[in-house]
Amino acid sequence: MGWDSAGAQLASQIATLTVNPAYANLLGVEPALRKEDLAATILHCGVYDLDAMSKLNGLVEWGLKTSLWSYTGTKDWSATYAGATMSTIGFVTGDLPPTFISGGNGDGLTWLQSVPYSNRLKAAGVPVTELFWPADHTPALPHEYQFQLNFSEAKDAKDRTLDFLAAHVRPGR
């Protein structure tokens, strides 16, 4: 299972409720997948800690905050049930599947979301394959850089993602 941006948050949430019965119960959701059905997770440029998002400033951050306000129905979204349960970083267990996680060095979400989430996964014993770029890497790689195939780094992300899938997903699965 994998997506990017807000979809990466959804993928992390579906994976988490699939392997963590307490989280599924908290959400009031009966998982459609079984733990053994989930071979791997691919997360590009996602959001996994909404509380950290509440501390951002600037135009892009204003857009993110406005979207979350719109989604949850309140300006104080980080302190709500929705904000707390959308944040999968606090519900990580070692039962999550192998995970590929990436983000561009010019995307603030990489440092605020993807790197901390990757660290939490590794601390829980989840096999993690990372593709992050140094902060001073040029060109600075923006949000969803992996779709901008004019960047050689996007081609590298595609190749590394396909290699990860080949290593973790059996044919017919």
N, C-alpha and C. Protein backbone atom coordinates (compact mmCIF):
# COMPACT_ATOMS: atom_id res chain seq x y z
N MET A 1 0.85 -1.15 0.00
CA MET A 1 0.00 0.00 0.00
C MET A 1 0.90 1.22 0.00
N GLY A 2 0.56 2.21 -0.77
CA GLY A 2 1.36 3.40 -0.77
C GLY A 2 0.71 4.56 -1.48
N TRP A 3 1.03 5.75 -1.03
CA TRP A 3 0.57 6.98 -1.64
C TRP A 3 1.56 8.08 -1.31
N ASP A 4 1.17 9.29 -1.68
CA ASP A 4 2.02 10.44 -1.38
C ASP A 4 1.18 11.54 -0.77
N SER A 5 1.84 12.44 -0.07
CA SER A 5 1.23 13.62 0.53
C SER A 5 0.10 13.20 1.48
N ALA A 6 -1.10 13.76 1.31
CA ALA A 6 -2.22 13.37 2.18
C ALA A 6 -2.52 11.89 2.03
N GLY A 7 -2.29 11.35 0.85
CA GLY A 7 -2.48 9.92 0.65
C GLY A 7 -1.51 9.08 1.45
N ALA A 8 -0.31 9.60 1.70
CA ALA A 8 0.65 8.89 2.54
C ALA A 8 0.14 8.84 3.98
N GLN A 9 -0.51 9.92 4.41
CA GLN A 9 -1.13 9.89 5.74
C GLN A 9 -2.19 8.81 5.78
N LEU A 10 -3.03 8.74 4.75
CA LEU A 10 -4.07 7.72 4.70
C LEU A 10 -3.47 6.32 4.67
N ALA A 11 -2.42 6.13 3.88
CA ALA A 11 -1.76 4.82 3.82
C ALA A 11 -1.20 4.43 5.18
N SER A 12 -0.59 5.39 5.88
CA SER A 12 -0.05 5.09 7.21
C SER A 12 -1.18 4.77 8.18
N GLN A 13 -2.31 5.45 8.03
CA GLN A 13 -3.44 5.22 8.91
C GLN A 13 -4.07 3.84 8.65
N ILE A 14 -4.23 3.47 7.39
CA ILE A 14 -4.79 2.16 7.05
C ILE A 14 -3.85 1.05 7.51
N ALA A 15 -2.56 1.22 7.27
CA ALA A 15 -1.59 0.21 7.72
C ALA A 15 -1.63 0.08 9.24
N THR A 16 -1.69 1.21 9.94
CA THR A 16 -1.68 1.19 11.40
C THR A 16 -2.93 0.53 11.95
N LEU A 17 -4.10 0.86 11.43
CA LEU A 17 -5.31 0.23 11.97
C LEU A 17 -5.40 -1.24 11.58
N THR A 18 -4.70 -1.64 10.51
CA THR A 18 -4.67 -3.04 10.11
C THR A 18 -3.87 -3.89 11.09
N VAL A 19 -2.78 -3.34 11.60
CA VAL A 19 -1.88 -4.14 12.47
C VAL A 19 -2.03 -3.82 13.96
N ASN A 20 -2.72 -2.74 14.30
CA ASN A 20 -2.83 -2.32 15.69
C ASN A 20 -4.30 -2.33 16.10
N PRO A 21 -4.78 -3.43 16.72
CA PRO A 21 -6.19 -3.53 17.09
C PRO A 21 -6.66 -2.41 18.02
N ALA A 22 -5.79 -1.93 18.90
CA ALA A 22 -6.19 -0.85 19.81
C ALA A 22 -6.48 0.42 19.02
N TYR A 23 -5.68 0.70 18.00
CA TYR A 23 -5.91 1.88 17.16
C TYR A 23 -7.19 1.73 16.36
N ALA A 24 -7.41 0.54 15.78
CA ALA A 24 -8.65 0.29 15.03
C ALA A 24 -9.86 0.46 15.94
N ASN A 25 -9.77 -0.03 17.16
CA ASN A 25 -10.86 0.10 18.12
C ASN A 25 -11.10 1.57 18.47
N LEU A 26 -10.03 2.32 18.67
CA LEU A 26 -10.13 3.74 18.97
C LEU A 26 -10.88 4.48 17.85
N LEU A 27 -10.61 4.08 16.62
CA LEU A 27 -11.28 4.70 15.47
C LEU A 27 -12.68 4.14 15.24
N GLY A 28 -12.98 3.01 15.87
CA GLY A 28 -14.27 2.36 15.63
C GLY A 28 -14.34 1.73 14.25
N VAL A 29 -13.20 1.20 13.79
CA VAL A 29 -13.10 0.65 12.43
C VAL A 29 -12.73 -0.83 12.50
N GLU A 30 -13.44 -1.63 11.73
CA GLU A 30 -13.08 -3.03 11.55
C GLU A 30 -12.20 -3.08 10.30
N PRO A 31 -10.92 -3.43 10.44
CA PRO A 31 -10.03 -3.42 9.27
C PRO A 31 -10.53 -4.33 8.15
N ALA A 32 -10.47 -3.83 6.93
CA ALA A 32 -10.85 -4.62 5.76
C ALA A 32 -9.73 -5.58 5.37
N LEU A 33 -8.51 -5.26 5.76
CA LEU A 33 -7.35 -6.10 5.47
C LEU A 33 -6.96 -6.88 6.72
N ARG A 34 -6.30 -8.00 6.50
CA ARG A 34 -5.67 -8.72 7.60
C ARG A 34 -4.20 -8.32 7.62
N LYS A 35 -3.59 -8.44 8.77
CA LYS A 35 -2.18 -8.08 8.90
C LYS A 35 -1.33 -8.77 7.83
N GLU A 36 -1.59 -10.05 7.60
CA GLU A 36 -0.79 -10.81 6.62
C GLU A 36 -1.06 -10.38 5.18
N ASP A 37 -2.11 -9.61 4.93
CA ASP A 37 -2.39 -9.09 3.59
C ASP A 37 -1.53 -7.88 3.26
N LEU A 38 -0.93 -7.28 4.25
CA LEU A 38 -0.18 -6.04 4.08
C LEU A 38 1.31 -6.36 3.96
N ALA A 39 1.82 -6.36 2.73
CA ALA A 39 3.21 -6.76 2.49
C ALA A 39 4.20 -5.63 2.72
N ALA A 40 3.82 -4.41 2.40
CA ALA A 40 4.75 -3.28 2.47
C ALA A 40 3.96 -1.98 2.40
N THR A 41 4.62 -0.92 2.82
CA THR A 41 4.03 0.42 2.74
C THR A 41 5.03 1.36 2.09
N ILE A 42 4.52 2.19 1.19
CA ILE A 42 5.34 3.21 0.52
C ILE A 42 4.77 4.57 0.88
N LEU A 43 5.60 5.41 1.45
CA LEU A 43 5.16 6.72 1.93
C LEU A 43 6.06 7.81 1.37
N HIS A 44 5.50 8.65 0.51
CA HIS A 44 6.23 9.78 -0.06
C HIS A 44 5.61 11.08 0.46
N CYS A 45 6.42 11.92 1.09
CA CYS A 45 6.04 13.31 1.40
C CYS A 45 4.78 13.41 2.26
N GLY A 46 4.65 12.57 3.28
CA GLY A 46 3.42 12.52 4.04
C GLY A 46 3.40 13.30 5.33
N VAL A 47 2.23 13.25 5.97
CA VAL A 47 1.97 13.89 7.26
C VAL A 47 1.59 12.78 8.24
N TYR A 48 2.32 12.70 9.36
CA TYR A 48 2.11 11.63 10.33
C TYR A 48 1.96 12.16 11.75
N ASP A 49 2.18 13.45 11.95
CA ASP A 49 2.13 14.07 13.27
C ASP A 49 1.47 15.43 13.13
N LEU A 50 0.14 15.47 13.33
CA LEU A 50 -0.59 16.72 13.13
C LEU A 50 -0.24 17.78 14.16
N ASP A 51 0.12 17.37 15.37
CA ASP A 51 0.51 18.36 16.37
C ASP A 51 1.72 19.16 15.90
N ALA A 52 2.67 18.49 15.28
CA ALA A 52 3.85 19.20 14.75
C ALA A 52 3.44 20.19 13.66
N MET A 53 2.40 19.86 12.89
CA MET A 53 1.93 20.75 11.83
C MET A 53 1.38 22.06 12.41
N SER A 54 0.82 22.00 13.61
CA SER A 54 0.21 23.19 14.20
C SER A 54 1.24 24.27 14.53
N LYS A 55 2.51 23.91 14.54
CA LYS A 55 3.57 24.85 14.91
C LYS A 55 4.18 25.57 13.70
N LEU A 56 3.71 25.25 12.50
CA LEU A 56 4.27 25.84 11.28
C LEU A 56 3.77 27.25 11.04
N ASN A 57 4.57 28.02 10.29
CA ASN A 57 4.18 29.37 9.87
C ASN A 57 4.57 29.56 8.41
N GLY A 58 3.92 30.51 7.73
CA GLY A 58 4.23 30.79 6.34
C GLY A 58 3.03 30.49 5.44
N LEU A 59 3.16 30.81 4.16
CA LEU A 59 2.05 30.68 3.22
C LEU A 59 1.65 29.23 2.97
N VAL A 60 2.61 28.37 2.69
CA VAL A 60 2.29 26.96 2.45
C VAL A 60 1.68 26.34 3.70
N GLU A 61 2.26 26.68 4.84
CA GLU A 61 1.76 26.16 6.09
C GLU A 61 0.35 26.66 6.36
N TRP A 62 0.06 27.91 6.00
CA TRP A 62 -1.29 28.45 6.15
C TRP A 62 -2.26 27.60 5.34
N GLY A 63 -1.87 27.22 4.13
CA GLY A 63 -2.72 26.36 3.30
C GLY A 63 -2.97 25.01 3.95
N LEU A 64 -1.92 24.42 4.52
CA LEU A 64 -2.08 23.13 5.21
C LEU A 64 -3.00 23.27 6.41
N LYS A 65 -2.78 24.32 7.20
CA LYS A 65 -3.61 24.53 8.38
C LYS A 65 -5.07 24.78 8.00
N THR A 66 -5.29 25.55 6.94
CA THR A 66 -6.64 25.82 6.49
C THR A 66 -7.32 24.54 6.02
N SER A 67 -6.57 23.69 5.33
CA SER A 67 -7.12 22.41 4.89
C SER A 67 -7.53 21.55 6.08
N LEU A 68 -6.68 21.51 7.10
CA LEU A 68 -7.00 20.71 8.28
C LEU A 68 -8.17 21.30 9.06
N TRP A 69 -8.26 22.60 9.10
CA TRP A 69 -9.40 23.28 9.72
C TRP A 69 -10.67 22.88 8.97
N SER A 70 -10.60 22.93 7.65
CA SER A 70 -11.74 22.57 6.82
C SER A 70 -12.13 21.10 7.02
N TYR A 71 -11.14 20.25 7.11
CA TYR A 71 -11.39 18.81 7.25
C TYR A 71 -12.01 18.47 8.60
N THR A 72 -11.48 19.09 9.67
CA THR A 72 -11.95 18.74 11.02
C THR A 72 -13.11 19.61 11.50
N GLY A 73 -13.30 20.78 10.87
CA GLY A 73 -14.39 21.66 11.27
C GLY A 73 -14.04 22.61 12.40
N THR A 74 -12.77 22.66 12.79
CA THR A 74 -12.36 23.57 13.86
C THR A 74 -10.95 24.10 13.61
N LYS A 75 -10.74 25.35 14.02
CA LYS A 75 -9.42 25.96 13.88
C LYS A 75 -8.39 25.28 14.79
N ASP A 76 -8.86 24.74 15.90
CA ASP A 76 -7.98 24.09 16.87
C ASP A 76 -7.90 22.58 16.59
N TRP A 77 -7.70 22.24 15.33
CA TRP A 77 -7.75 20.85 14.88
C TRP A 77 -6.72 19.95 15.54
N SER A 78 -5.56 20.49 15.92
CA SER A 78 -4.52 19.62 16.49
C SER A 78 -4.90 19.11 17.87
N ALA A 79 -5.83 19.78 18.54
CA ALA A 79 -6.23 19.37 19.89
C ALA A 79 -7.52 18.56 19.88
N THR A 80 -8.00 18.17 18.71
CA THR A 80 -9.25 17.43 18.62
C THR A 80 -9.01 15.93 18.51
N TYR A 81 -10.08 15.17 18.70
CA TYR A 81 -10.02 13.72 18.51
C TYR A 81 -9.54 13.41 17.09
N ALA A 82 -10.08 14.11 16.10
CA ALA A 82 -9.67 13.87 14.71
C ALA A 82 -8.18 14.14 14.54
N GLY A 83 -7.70 15.24 15.09
CA GLY A 83 -6.28 15.56 14.97
C GLY A 83 -5.40 14.53 15.65
N ALA A 84 -5.82 14.08 16.82
CA ALA A 84 -5.03 13.10 17.56
C ALA A 84 -5.01 11.75 16.86
N THR A 85 -6.15 11.32 16.35
CA THR A 85 -6.21 9.99 15.74
C THR A 85 -5.69 9.97 14.31
N MET A 86 -5.65 11.11 13.65
CA MET A 86 -5.03 11.16 12.31
C MET A 86 -3.51 11.09 12.42
N SER A 87 -2.98 11.40 13.57
CA SER A 87 -1.53 11.37 13.79
C SER A 87 -1.10 9.94 14.08
N THR A 88 -0.55 9.27 13.10
CA THR A 88 -0.19 7.87 13.27
C THR A 88 1.13 7.68 14.00
N ILE A 89 1.92 8.72 14.14
CA ILE A 89 3.24 8.58 14.77
C ILE A 89 3.14 8.03 16.20
N GLY A 90 2.07 8.32 16.89
CA GLY A 90 1.89 7.85 18.26
C GLY A 90 1.35 6.43 18.37
N PHE A 91 1.05 5.81 17.24
CA PHE A 91 0.45 4.47 17.25
C PHE A 91 1.31 3.44 16.53
N VAL A 92 2.56 3.78 16.29
CA VAL A 92 3.49 2.87 15.60
C VAL A 92 3.77 1.65 16.46
N THR A 93 3.73 0.48 15.84
CA THR A 93 4.16 -0.76 16.50
C THR A 93 5.11 -1.49 15.57
N GLY A 94 5.81 -2.44 16.10
CA GLY A 94 6.72 -3.25 15.31
C GLY A 94 6.01 -4.19 14.35
N ASP A 95 4.68 -4.23 14.41
CA ASP A 95 3.90 -5.08 13.50
C ASP A 95 3.67 -4.44 12.14
N LEU A 96 4.03 -3.19 11.98
CA LEU A 96 3.86 -2.55 10.67
C LEU A 96 4.77 -3.23 9.65
N PRO A 97 4.37 -3.22 8.38
CA PRO A 97 5.16 -3.91 7.36
C PRO A 97 6.41 -3.11 6.99
N PRO A 98 7.33 -3.74 6.27
CA PRO A 98 8.47 -2.99 5.75
C PRO A 98 7.98 -1.72 5.04
N THR A 99 8.70 -0.64 5.26
CA THR A 99 8.24 0.66 4.77
C THR A 99 9.34 1.37 3.99
N PHE A 100 8.95 1.90 2.83
CA PHE A 100 9.81 2.79 2.05
C PHE A 100 9.29 4.19 2.31
N ILE A 101 10.18 5.10 2.70
CA ILE A 101 9.76 6.47 3.02
C ILE A 101 10.73 7.46 2.40
N SER A 102 10.17 8.50 1.79
CA SER A 102 10.99 9.48 1.10
C SER A 102 10.37 10.87 1.19
N GLY A 103 11.21 11.86 0.98
CA GLY A 103 10.77 13.24 0.91
C GLY A 103 11.90 14.10 0.38
N GLY A 104 11.56 15.18 -0.28
CA GLY A 104 12.56 16.07 -0.84
C GLY A 104 13.14 17.00 0.21
N ASN A 105 14.39 17.39 0.02
CA ASN A 105 15.06 18.26 0.99
C ASN A 105 14.49 19.68 1.00
N GLY A 106 13.77 20.08 -0.04
CA GLY A 106 13.14 21.39 -0.09
C GLY A 106 11.71 21.39 0.40
N ASP A 107 11.24 20.25 0.89
CA ASP A 107 9.88 20.09 1.40
C ASP A 107 9.95 20.07 2.92
N GLY A 108 9.36 21.08 3.56
CA GLY A 108 9.39 21.15 5.02
C GLY A 108 8.80 19.91 5.69
N LEU A 109 7.90 19.22 5.01
CA LEU A 109 7.31 18.01 5.59
C LEU A 109 8.36 16.92 5.79
N THR A 110 9.41 16.93 4.99
CA THR A 110 10.44 15.91 5.14
C THR A 110 11.04 15.96 6.54
N TRP A 111 11.45 17.14 6.96
CA TRP A 111 12.14 17.28 8.24
C TRP A 111 11.18 17.23 9.42
N LEU A 112 9.97 17.70 9.22
CA LEU A 112 8.99 17.78 10.29
C LEU A 112 8.15 16.51 10.43
N GLN A 113 8.03 15.76 9.34
CA GLN A 113 7.13 14.61 9.34
C GLN A 113 7.83 13.30 8.97
N SER A 114 8.40 13.25 7.77
CA SER A 114 8.92 11.97 7.26
C SER A 114 10.12 11.45 8.05
N VAL A 115 11.08 12.30 8.35
CA VAL A 115 12.26 11.84 9.10
C VAL A 115 11.87 11.38 10.51
N PRO A 116 11.08 12.17 11.26
CA PRO A 116 10.68 11.68 12.59
C PRO A 116 9.85 10.38 12.53
N TYR A 117 8.97 10.27 11.53
CA TYR A 117 8.17 9.05 11.41
C TYR A 117 9.07 7.86 11.09
N SER A 118 10.01 8.05 10.19
CA SER A 118 10.96 6.99 9.86
C SER A 118 11.73 6.56 11.11
N ASN A 119 12.18 7.52 11.89
CA ASN A 119 12.90 7.20 13.12
C ASN A 119 12.03 6.42 14.10
N ARG A 120 10.75 6.78 14.19
CA ARG A 120 9.83 6.07 15.09
C ARG A 120 9.63 4.63 14.60
N LEU A 121 9.48 4.46 13.28
CA LEU A 121 9.34 3.11 12.72
C LEU A 121 10.56 2.26 13.05
N LYS A 122 11.75 2.82 12.81
CA LYS A 122 12.98 2.07 13.08
C LYS A 122 13.11 1.72 14.56
N ALA A 123 12.75 2.65 15.43
CA ALA A 123 12.82 2.39 16.87
C ALA A 123 11.89 1.26 17.29
N ALA A 124 10.79 1.09 16.55
CA ALA A 124 9.84 0.01 16.84
C ALA A 124 10.26 -1.31 16.21
N GLY A 125 11.33 -1.28 15.41
CA GLY A 125 11.81 -2.51 14.78
C GLY A 125 11.24 -2.79 13.40
N VAL A 126 10.59 -1.80 12.81
CA VAL A 126 10.04 -1.95 11.46
C VAL A 126 11.19 -1.82 10.46
N PRO A 127 11.30 -2.73 9.49
CA PRO A 127 12.32 -2.56 8.45
C PRO A 127 11.98 -1.33 7.59
N VAL A 128 12.90 -0.39 7.52
CA VAL A 128 12.66 0.87 6.82
C VAL A 128 13.73 1.08 5.76
N THR A 129 13.28 1.45 4.57
CA THR A 129 14.16 1.90 3.50
C THR A 129 13.89 3.38 3.30
N GLU A 130 14.91 4.20 3.53
CA GLU A 130 14.76 5.66 3.42
C GLU A 130 15.39 6.17 2.13
N LEU A 131 14.78 7.22 1.61
CA LEU A 131 15.41 7.99 0.54
C LEU A 131 15.20 9.46 0.86
N PHE A 132 16.17 10.02 1.56
CA PHE A 132 16.17 11.43 1.90
C PHE A 132 17.43 12.06 1.32
N TRP A 133 17.38 13.34 1.09
CA TRP A 133 18.49 14.08 0.49
C TRP A 133 19.04 15.04 1.53
N PRO A 134 20.35 15.28 1.54
CA PRO A 134 20.92 16.23 2.50
C PRO A 134 20.27 17.61 2.36
N ALA A 135 20.21 18.34 3.46
CA ALA A 135 19.57 19.66 3.46
C ALA A 135 20.18 20.59 2.42
N ASP A 136 21.48 20.46 2.17
CA ASP A 136 22.14 21.37 1.23
C ASP A 136 22.19 20.82 -0.20
N HIS A 137 21.49 19.73 -0.46
CA HIS A 137 21.46 19.14 -1.80
C HIS A 137 20.86 20.13 -2.80
N THR A 138 21.46 20.22 -3.98
CA THR A 138 20.89 21.05 -5.04
C THR A 138 20.65 20.18 -6.26
N PRO A 139 19.53 20.41 -6.91
CA PRO A 139 18.52 21.41 -6.56
C PRO A 139 17.72 20.98 -5.34
N ALA A 140 17.13 21.96 -4.67
CA ALA A 140 16.24 21.64 -3.56
C ALA A 140 15.03 20.91 -4.14
N LEU A 141 14.70 19.77 -3.58
CA LEU A 141 13.62 18.93 -4.11
C LEU A 141 12.32 19.24 -3.38
N PRO A 142 11.30 19.71 -4.12
CA PRO A 142 10.06 20.17 -3.50
C PRO A 142 9.14 19.01 -3.08
N HIS A 143 8.03 19.39 -2.48
CA HIS A 143 6.97 18.45 -2.14
C HIS A 143 6.57 17.69 -3.41
N GLU A 144 6.47 16.38 -3.29
CA GLU A 144 6.13 15.49 -4.40
C GLU A 144 7.17 15.52 -5.53
N TYR A 145 8.42 15.71 -5.15
CA TYR A 145 9.51 15.75 -6.14
C TYR A 145 9.54 14.50 -7.00
N GLN A 146 9.09 13.38 -6.45
CA GLN A 146 9.21 12.09 -7.14
C GLN A 146 8.40 12.04 -8.43
N PHE A 147 7.47 12.96 -8.62
CA PHE A 147 6.69 13.01 -9.87
C PHE A 147 7.32 13.92 -10.92
N GLN A 148 8.31 14.69 -10.53
CA GLN A 148 8.93 15.65 -11.45
C GLN A 148 10.13 14.99 -12.11
N LEU A 149 9.85 14.24 -13.16
CA LEU A 149 10.88 13.40 -13.78
C LEU A 149 11.97 14.17 -14.50
N ASN A 150 11.89 15.49 -14.51
CA ASN A 150 13.02 16.29 -15.00
C ASN A 150 14.16 16.29 -13.98
N PHE A 151 13.88 15.86 -12.75
CA PHE A 151 14.91 15.70 -11.73
C PHE A 151 15.46 14.27 -11.81
N SER A 152 16.77 14.13 -11.86
CA SER A 152 17.34 12.78 -11.83
C SER A 152 17.00 12.09 -10.50
N GLU A 153 16.81 12.88 -9.45
CA GLU A 153 16.45 12.33 -8.15
C GLU A 153 15.06 11.68 -8.18
N ALA A 154 14.17 12.23 -9.01
CA ALA A 154 12.83 11.62 -9.16
C ALA A 154 12.95 10.25 -9.82
N LYS A 155 13.82 10.16 -10.80
CA LYS A 155 14.04 8.86 -11.45
C LYS A 155 14.66 7.88 -10.46
N ASP A 156 15.56 8.36 -9.62
CA ASP A 156 16.15 7.52 -8.58
C ASP A 156 15.07 7.06 -7.61
N ALA A 157 14.17 7.95 -7.22
CA ALA A 157 13.08 7.59 -6.31
C ALA A 157 12.19 6.52 -6.94
N LYS A 158 11.90 6.68 -8.22
CA LYS A 158 11.08 5.67 -8.93
C LYS A 158 11.79 4.33 -8.92
N ASP A 159 13.07 4.32 -9.28
CA ASP A 159 13.83 3.07 -9.32
C ASP A 159 13.93 2.43 -7.94
N ARG A 160 14.19 3.23 -6.93
CA ARG A 160 14.32 2.70 -5.57
C ARG A 160 12.98 2.17 -5.06
N THR A 161 11.89 2.84 -5.43
CA THR A 161 10.56 2.37 -5.05
C THR A 161 10.27 1.02 -5.70
N LEU A 162 10.58 0.91 -6.99
CA LEU A 162 10.37 -0.36 -7.69
C LEU A 162 11.25 -1.47 -7.13
N ASP A 163 12.49 -1.16 -6.78
CA ASP A 163 13.37 -2.15 -6.14
C ASP A 163 12.80 -2.61 -4.80
N PHE A 164 12.27 -1.66 -4.04
CA PHE A 164 11.67 -1.98 -2.75
C PHE A 164 10.48 -2.92 -2.95
N LEU A 165 9.63 -2.60 -3.91
CA LEU A 165 8.47 -3.46 -4.18
C LEU A 165 8.91 -4.85 -4.60
N ALA A 166 9.90 -4.94 -5.46
CA ALA A 166 10.39 -6.24 -5.92
C ALA A 166 10.92 -7.07 -4.74
N ALA A 167 11.50 -6.41 -3.77
CA ALA A 167 12.05 -7.12 -2.61
C ALA A 167 10.99 -7.56 -1.60
N HIS A 168 9.84 -6.88 -1.59
CA HIS A 168 8.87 -7.13 -0.52
C HIS A 168 7.51 -7.65 -0.95
N VAL A 169 7.20 -7.58 -2.22
CA VAL A 169 5.87 -8.01 -2.66
C VAL A 169 6.01 -9.21 -3.59
N ARG A 170 5.33 -10.28 -3.23
CA ARG A 170 5.33 -11.48 -4.06
C ARG A 170 4.37 -11.31 -5.22
N PRO A 171 4.69 -11.89 -6.39
CA PRO A 171 3.75 -11.85 -7.52
C PRO A 171 2.41 -12.48 -7.12
N GLY A 172 1.34 -11.88 -7.59
CA GLY A 172 0.01 -12.38 -7.27
C GLY A 172 -0.51 -11.91 -5.93
N ARG A 173 0.24 -11.10 -5.25
CA ARG A 173 -0.20 -10.61 -3.95
C ARG A 173 -0.79 -9.24 -4.08
